[in-house]
């Protein structure tokens, strides 16, 4: 593992290298240049580049590889200026020696980033996904006679109570059927209840603002129809026509309340008010239906209704700092995943041409006030992906191996 050189030693090394005009290799994107340290006035590091193909413009940063008293070293430097083959660099913050890695670590040559693959962070269920979220972690606060341990008894208790509120009630699940009607699609996308007809919805939300959070409002409808890829006027007219037909059947109101499990709408509760139920829906009725939907979600979870399949989730807030053919250094914010030294993790390296899956081991980890930094050693990488990676980061005329560089330096010396 490479060791960082202390500040005083670093300054001594660079002064000696420039006094001796020692050879150096410079890696810029996918190009490799050779040159020598040269002594110039000032406190910057100066390099005289030997190349038949001069750099068109000065890069922002370069990676240096050199030897000092038989030891291979590397550093990353900010470029100050470049003119007629003379490259002037700011003194690097860090210099590393005793490079035990197999390949030179360089700055990414092109568009490149890394994501961390995390296992078991979420679950994929075969139900519609909504914009709302409910985690049934504990038993919702409802009358004790509604026992969530036995679903059949729970549903029967609901039906007995719901008969006092409406002429008809149903519990429809989406396990073996998809959303068919416009209303079913609305409550599935939003994860909120819908009261129709729309005039009753407007009157209810204006009279009882505290209940607005449970319901799709008139303002929500336009946005939801557009998100569903449907013309809002066509959607509204479809539901109006449906309720007009229901009026001929002496049905005055319908309440559709989704049953949420996490971000999934697993079904919905339908309360129909007709016949003698000519009065409007009350806040107490709405509150009961919403609370029962949560209790039903909890009961379904407790009774093993959901077959959860663990899926892999990608953490995409990482920044790739440098990379080699055998490992890389990247960072992510402090609120990212908790990872430990010598832990094996899966990552994906994203380039502009392909995504490379890699299994690696954390060999170095440190933090500052904003980020966590990880040094990752590649453990599993297909030969095809490895060849592509070497070509992408080093270019076609160099394979990145440190021992090749060392031989070149001896020949130049």
Foldseek 3Di string as FASTA:
>chain_A
DWDKDDDVVLLVQLVVQQVVQAKKWKAAQQDIWIWTFHDDPDDWTKTQTDDPDDDPADDQKIKMWGDDPRKIKIFIWGWDGDDPRMTTTHRGPIMIIPDPDFFDKTFHNADKFKKFKDWPPDWDFPFQFEPDFDALPDAFDDPPQQDLQDLVSNVVVVVVVLVVVAVDKDWWFPPPHHDDDLLSQLCFHHVAKEKDDLVLQAVVCVVCVVCVVRYQHPVNQCVSCVVVVHHSVVSNVVVVVVVVVVVVVFWDMKMWHFQHHTRGGGTTMIRTHGDPRPDGDDPVNVVVRNSSSSNNNNSCVSVVVTDTDMDIDIGRQKGWGIATLFWGKIKGWPPDDDDDAQDWTWMWMDDPPDIFIFIWTFHDWDDDPTIIMTITTTDDGDPVRSVVVQCSRNNDPDRRGPVVVVVVSVVVD
